[in-house]
Amino acid sequence: MSETEDKILTEIREIRQEINQFDTKFTNYQKATQWVVQLAFTLIASATLTVIITSVLKK
């Protein structure tokens, strides 16, 4: 192989590594975001139930 082909192959390998790292980071951020949204909905549901139950029990 020529020197130019070696450089191109090296660059392609580096780009593939960067893409794999990006995919890993993206997956982690996506999972974290889903967890935060799920937590938010759980907190909202809990607060709503608390308000409803306390208002029913006070009557």
PDB file of N, CA and C in Angstrom:
ATOM      1  N   MET A   1       0.839  -1.190   0.000  1.00  0.00           N
ATOM      2  CA  MET A   1       0.000   0.000   0.000  1.00  0.00           C
ATOM      3  C   MET A   1       0.879   1.246   0.000  1.00  0.00           C
ATOM      4  N   SER A   2       0.292   2.269  -0.517  1.00  0.00           N
ATOM      5  CA  SER A   2       1.034   3.522  -0.540  1.00  0.00           C
ATOM      6  C   SER A   2       0.837   4.257   0.780  1.00  0.00           C
ATOM      7  N   GLU A   3       1.630   5.270   0.945  1.00  0.00           N
ATOM      8  CA  GLU A   3       1.550   6.061   2.182  1.00  0.00           C
ATOM      9  C   GLU A   3       0.194   6.760   2.299  1.00  0.00           C
ATOM     10  N   THR A   4      -0.343   7.217   1.185  1.00  0.00           N
ATOM     11  CA  THR A   4      -1.643   7.889   1.183  1.00  0.00           C
ATOM     12  C   THR A   4      -2.752   6.933   1.620  1.00  0.00           C
ATOM     13  N   GLU A   5      -2.696   5.708   1.121  1.00  0.00           N
ATOM     14  CA  GLU A   5      -3.715   4.723   1.509  1.00  0.00           C
ATOM     15  C   GLU A   5      -3.619   4.395   2.993  1.00  0.00           C
ATOM     16  N   ASP A   6      -2.412   4.302   3.503  1.00  0.00           N
ATOM     17  CA  ASP A   6      -2.222   4.051   4.934  1.00  0.00           C
ATOM     18  C   ASP A   6      -2.817   5.183   5.770  1.00  0.00           C
ATOM     19  N   LYS A   7      -2.600   6.411   5.344  1.00  0.00           N
ATOM     20  CA  LYS A   7      -3.150   7.559   6.069  1.00  0.00           C
ATOM     21  C   LYS A   7      -4.683   7.535   6.056  1.00  0.00           C
ATOM     22  N   ILE A   8      -5.227   7.203   4.879  1.00  0.00           N
ATOM     23  CA  ILE A   8      -6.686   7.166   4.762  1.00  0.00           C
ATOM     24  C   ILE A   8      -7.263   6.076   5.667  1.00  0.00           C
ATOM     25  N   LEU A   9      -6.646   4.904   5.666  1.00  0.00           N
ATOM     26  CA  LEU A   9      -7.119   3.811   6.527  1.00  0.00           C
ATOM     27  C   LEU A   9      -7.004   4.179   8.004  1.00  0.00           C
ATOM     28  N   THR A  10      -5.935   4.841   8.363  1.00  0.00           N
ATOM     29  CA  THR A  10      -5.763   5.283   9.747  1.00  0.00           C
ATOM     30  C   THR A  10      -6.852   6.277  10.134  1.00  0.00           C
ATOM     31  N   GLU A  11      -7.140   7.205   9.255  1.00  0.00           N
ATOM     32  CA  GLU A  11      -8.193   8.190   9.528  1.00  0.00           C
ATOM     33  C   GLU A  11      -9.560   7.520   9.646  1.00  0.00           C
ATOM     34  N   ILE A  12      -9.812   6.544   8.786  1.00  0.00           N
ATOM     35  CA  ILE A  12     -11.088   5.826   8.844  1.00  0.00           C
ATOM     36  C   ILE A  12     -11.213   5.094  10.175  1.00  0.00           C
ATOM     37  N   ARG A  13     -10.160   4.459  10.633  1.00  0.00           N
ATOM     38  CA  ARG A  13     -10.186   3.767  11.923  1.00  0.00           C
ATOM     39  C   ARG A  13     -10.453   4.751  13.063  1.00  0.00           C
ATOM     40  N   GLU A  14      -9.807   5.902  13.009  1.00  0.00           N
ATOM     41  CA  GLU A  14     -10.010   6.914  14.051  1.00  0.00           C
ATOM     42  C   GLU A  14     -11.457   7.413  14.050  1.00  0.00           C
ATOM     43  N   ILE A  15     -12.001   7.622  12.865  1.00  0.00           N
ATOM     44  CA  ILE A  15     -13.382   8.093  12.756  1.00  0.00           C
ATOM     45  C   ILE A  15     -14.335   7.036  13.304  1.00  0.00           C
ATOM     46  N   ARG A  16     -14.073   5.769  13.002  1.00  0.00           N
ATOM     47  CA  ARG A  16     -14.919   4.693  13.533  1.00  0.00           C
ATOM     48  C   ARG A  16     -14.875   4.664  15.058  1.00  0.00           C
ATOM     49  N   GLN A  17     -13.711   4.860  15.633  1.00  0.00           N
ATOM     50  CA  GLN A  17     -13.592   4.895  17.092  1.00  0.00           C
ATOM     51  C   GLN A  17     -14.373   6.069  17.672  1.00  0.00           C
ATOM     52  N   GLU A  18     -14.269   7.217  17.037  1.00  0.00           N
ATOM     53  CA  GLU A  18     -14.997   8.390  17.507  1.00  0.00           C
ATOM     54  C   GLU A  18     -16.507   8.169  17.427  1.00  0.00           C
ATOM     55  N   ILE A  19     -16.953   7.529  16.348  1.00  0.00           N
ATOM     56  CA  ILE A  19     -18.384   7.250  16.194  1.00  0.00           C
ATOM     57  C   ILE A  19     -18.853   6.291  17.277  1.00  0.00           C
ATOM     58  N   ASN A  20     -18.056   5.271  17.564  1.00  0.00           N
ATOM     59  CA  ASN A  20     -18.417   4.324  18.627  1.00  0.00           C
ATOM     60  C   ASN A  20     -18.500   5.023  19.981  1.00  0.00           C
ATOM     61  N   GLN A  21     -17.567   5.923  20.248  1.00  0.00           N
ATOM     62  CA  GLN A  21     -17.602   6.674  21.503  1.00  0.00           C
ATOM     63  C   GLN A  21     -18.838   7.566  21.558  1.00  0.00           C
ATOM     64  N   PHE A  22     -19.160   8.199  20.438  1.00  0.00           N
ATOM     65  CA  PHE A  22     -20.344   9.055  20.385  1.00  0.00           C
ATOM     66  C   PHE A  22     -21.604   8.231  20.617  1.00  0.00           C
ATOM     67  N   ASP A  23     -21.684   7.059  19.985  1.00  0.00           N
ATOM     68  CA  ASP A  23     -22.852   6.191  20.166  1.00  0.00           C
ATOM     69  C   ASP A  23     -23.011   5.792  21.628  1.00  0.00           C
ATOM     70  N   THR A  24     -21.898   5.484  22.275  1.00  0.00           N
ATOM     71  CA  THR A  24     -21.951   5.104  23.685  1.00  0.00           C
ATOM     72  C   THR A  24     -22.442   6.272  24.532  1.00  0.00           C
ATOM     73  N   LYS A  25     -21.905   7.457  24.298  1.00  0.00           N
ATOM     74  CA  LYS A  25     -22.337   8.634  25.053  1.00  0.00           C
ATOM     75  C   LYS A  25     -23.808   8.931  24.804  1.00  0.00           C
ATOM     76  N   PHE A  26     -24.219   8.846  23.553  1.00  0.00           N
ATOM     77  CA  PHE A  26     -25.611   9.133  23.209  1.00  0.00           C
ATOM     78  C   PHE A  26     -26.547   8.152  23.909  1.00  0.00           C
ATOM     79  N   THR A  27     -26.188   6.884  23.914  1.00  0.00           N
ATOM     80  CA  THR A  27     -26.998   5.874  24.582  1.00  0.00           C
ATOM     81  C   THR A  27     -27.107   6.171  26.070  1.00  0.00           C
ATOM     82  N   ASN A  28     -25.995   6.539  26.688  1.00  0.00           N
ATOM     83  CA  ASN A  28     -26.009   6.869  28.120  1.00  0.00           C
ATOM     84  C   ASN A  28     -26.878   8.084  28.404  1.00  0.00           C
ATOM     85  N   TYR A  29     -26.761   9.130  27.584  1.00  0.00           N
ATOM     86  CA  TYR A  29     -27.578  10.318  27.783  1.00  0.00           C
ATOM     87  C   TYR A  29     -29.059  10.004  27.586  1.00  0.00           C
ATOM     88  N   GLN A  30     -29.355   9.154  26.600  1.00  0.00           N
ATOM     89  CA  GLN A  30     -30.740   8.790  26.332  1.00  0.00           C
ATOM     90  C   GLN A  30     -31.334   8.034  27.523  1.00  0.00           C
ATOM     91  N   LYS A  31     -30.589   7.105  28.076  1.00  0.00           N
ATOM     92  CA  LYS A  31     -31.061   6.354  29.242  1.00  0.00           C
ATOM     93  C   LYS A  31     -31.250   7.276  30.440  1.00  0.00           C
ATOM     94  N   ALA A  32     -30.324   8.195  30.640  1.00  0.00           N
ATOM     95  CA  ALA A  32     -30.428   9.124  31.768  1.00  0.00           C
ATOM     96  C   ALA A  32     -31.644  10.028  31.608  1.00  0.00           C
ATOM     97  N   THR A  33     -31.886  10.486  30.403  1.00  0.00           N
ATOM     98  CA  THR A  33     -33.035  11.348  30.147  1.00  0.00           C
ATOM     99  C   THR A  33     -34.336  10.603  30.405  1.00  0.00           C
ATOM    100  N   GLN A  34     -34.415   9.369  29.940  1.00  0.00           N
ATOM    101  CA  GLN A  34     -35.614   8.567  30.181  1.00  0.00           C
ATOM    102  C   GLN A  34     -35.837   8.366  31.679  1.00  0.00           C
ATOM    103  N   TRP A  35     -34.763   8.149  32.418  1.00  0.00           N
ATOM    104  CA  TRP A  35     -34.873   7.954  33.862  1.00  0.00           C
ATOM    105  C   TRP A  35     -35.388   9.215  34.548  1.00  0.00           C
ATOM    106  N   VAL A  36     -34.882  10.359  34.137  1.00  0.00           N
ATOM    107  CA  VAL A  36     -35.313  11.629  34.734  1.00  0.00           C
ATOM    108  C   VAL A  36     -36.783  11.895  34.426  1.00  0.00           C
ATOM    109  N   VAL A  37     -37.198  11.636  33.201  1.00  0.00           N
ATOM    110  CA  VAL A  37     -38.606  11.841  32.836  1.00  0.00           C
ATOM    111  C   VAL A  37     -39.500  10.902  33.631  1.00  0.00           C
ATOM    112  N   GLN A  38     -39.084   9.664  33.758  1.00  0.00           N
ATOM    113  CA  GLN A  38     -39.861   8.705  34.534  1.00  0.00           C
ATOM    114  C   GLN A  38     -39.958   9.131  36.003  1.00  0.00           C
ATOM    115  N   LEU A  39     -38.865   9.616  36.540  1.00  0.00           N
ATOM    116  CA  LEU A  39     -38.860  10.101  37.917  1.00  0.00           C
ATOM    117  C   LEU A  39     -39.799  11.295  38.076  1.00  0.00           C
ATOM    118  N   ALA A  40     -39.776  12.203  37.125  1.00  0.00           N
ATOM    119  CA  ALA A  40     -40.643  13.381  37.184  1.00  0.00           C
ATOM    120  C   ALA A  40     -42.114  12.972  37.180  1.00  0.00           C
ATOM    121  N   PHE A  41     -42.477  12.064  36.285  1.00  0.00           N
ATOM    122  CA  PHE A  41     -43.870  11.617  36.238  1.00  0.00           C
ATOM    123  C   PHE A  41     -44.268  10.909  37.529  1.00  0.00           C
ATOM    124  N   THR A  42     -43.357  10.139  38.091  1.00  0.00           N
ATOM    125  CA  THR A  42     -43.644   9.450  39.348  1.00  0.00           C
ATOM    126  C   THR A  42     -43.886  10.452  40.467  1.00  0.00           C
ATOM    127  N   LEU A  43     -43.047  11.471  40.526  1.00  0.00           N
ATOM    128  CA  LEU A  43     -43.223  12.500  41.558  1.00  0.00           C
ATOM    129  C   LEU A  43     -44.525  13.259  41.388  1.00  0.00           C
ATOM    130  N   ILE A  44     -44.869  13.572  40.161  1.00  0.00           N
ATOM    131  CA  ILE A  44     -46.124  14.288  39.901  1.00  0.00           C
ATOM    132  C   ILE A  44     -47.317  13.417  40.294  1.00  0.00           C
ATOM    133  N   ALA A  45     -47.266  12.133  39.930  1.00  0.00           N
ATOM    134  CA  ALA A  45     -48.356  11.224  40.281  1.00  0.00           C
ATOM    135  C   ALA A  45     -48.473  11.077  41.791  1.00  0.00           C
ATOM    136  N   SER A  46     -47.339  10.967  42.466  1.00  0.00           N
ATOM    137  CA  SER A  46     -47.364  10.834  43.932  1.00  0.00           C
ATOM    138  C   SER A  46     -47.945  12.083  44.583  1.00  0.00           C
ATOM    139  N   ALA A  47     -47.544  13.230  44.119  1.00  0.00           N
ATOM    140  CA  ALA A  47     -48.062  14.486  44.685  1.00  0.00           C
ATOM    141  C   ALA A  47     -49.561  14.607  44.440  1.00  0.00           C
ATOM    142  N   THR A  48     -50.004  14.227  43.257  1.00  0.00           N
ATOM    143  CA  THR A  48     -51.432  14.289  42.932  1.00  0.00           C
ATOM    144  C   THR A  48     -52.233  13.363  43.838  1.00  0.00           C
ATOM    145  N   LEU A  49     -51.741  12.135  43.993  1.00  0.00           N
ATOM    146  CA  LEU A  49     -52.436  11.193  44.875  1.00  0.00           C
ATOM    147  C   LEU A  49     -52.461  11.681  46.314  1.00  0.00           C
ATOM    148  N   THR A  50     -51.384  12.275  46.757  1.00  0.00           N
ATOM    149  CA  THR A  50     -51.329  12.797  48.118  1.00  0.00           C
ATOM    150  C   THR A  50     -52.373  13.888  48.326  1.00  0.00           C
ATOM    151  N   VAL A  51     -52.482  14.777  47.375  1.00  0.00           N
ATOM    152  CA  VAL A  51     -53.469  15.858  47.477  1.00  0.00           C
ATOM    153  C   VAL A  51     -54.882  15.295  47.471  1.00  0.00           C
ATOM    154  N   ILE A  52     -55.140  14.352  46.593  1.00  0.00           N
ATOM    155  CA  ILE A  52     -56.476  13.769  46.511  1.00  0.00           C
ATOM    156  C   ILE A  52     -56.830  13.017  47.790  1.00  0.00           C
ATOM    157  N   ILE A  53     -55.902  12.194  48.271  1.00  0.00           N
ATOM    158  CA  ILE A  53     -56.177  11.403  49.472  1.00  0.00           C
ATOM    159  C   ILE A  53     -56.380  12.287  50.703  1.00  0.00           C
ATOM    160  N   THR A  54     -55.532  13.297  50.850  1.00  0.00           N
ATOM    161  CA  THR A  54     -55.694  14.182  52.024  1.00  0.00           C
ATOM    162  C   THR A  54     -56.994  14.971  51.954  1.00  0.00           C
ATOM    163  N   SER A  55     -57.405  15.388  50.767  1.00  0.00           N
ATOM    164  CA  SER A  55     -58.670  16.137  50.662  1.00  0.00           C
ATOM    165  C   SER A  55     -59.860  15.229  50.909  1.00  0.00           C
ATOM    166  N   VAL A  56     -59.781  13.961  50.525  1.00  0.00           N
ATOM    167  CA  VAL A  56     -60.884  13.014  50.761  1.00  0.00           C
ATOM    168  C   VAL A  56     -60.958  12.675  52.248  1.00  0.00           C
ATOM    169  N   LEU A  57     -59.815  12.467  52.878  1.00  0.00           N
ATOM    170  CA  LEU A  57     -59.804  12.077  54.298  1.00  0.00           C
ATOM    171  C   LEU A  57     -60.232  13.209  55.221  1.00  0.00           C
ATOM    172  N   LYS A  58     -60.067  14.447  54.819  1.00  0.00           N
ATOM    173  CA  LYS A  58     -60.438  15.579  55.654  1.00  0.00           C
ATOM    174  C   LYS A  58     -61.957  15.763  55.726  1.00  0.00           C
ATOM    175  N   LYS A  59     -62.678  15.207  54.789  1.00  0.00           N
ATOM    176  CA  LYS A  59     -64.144  15.394  54.761  1.00  0.00           C
ATOM    177  C   LYS A  59     -64.825  14.568  55.765  1.00  0.00           C
TER     178      LYS A  59
END
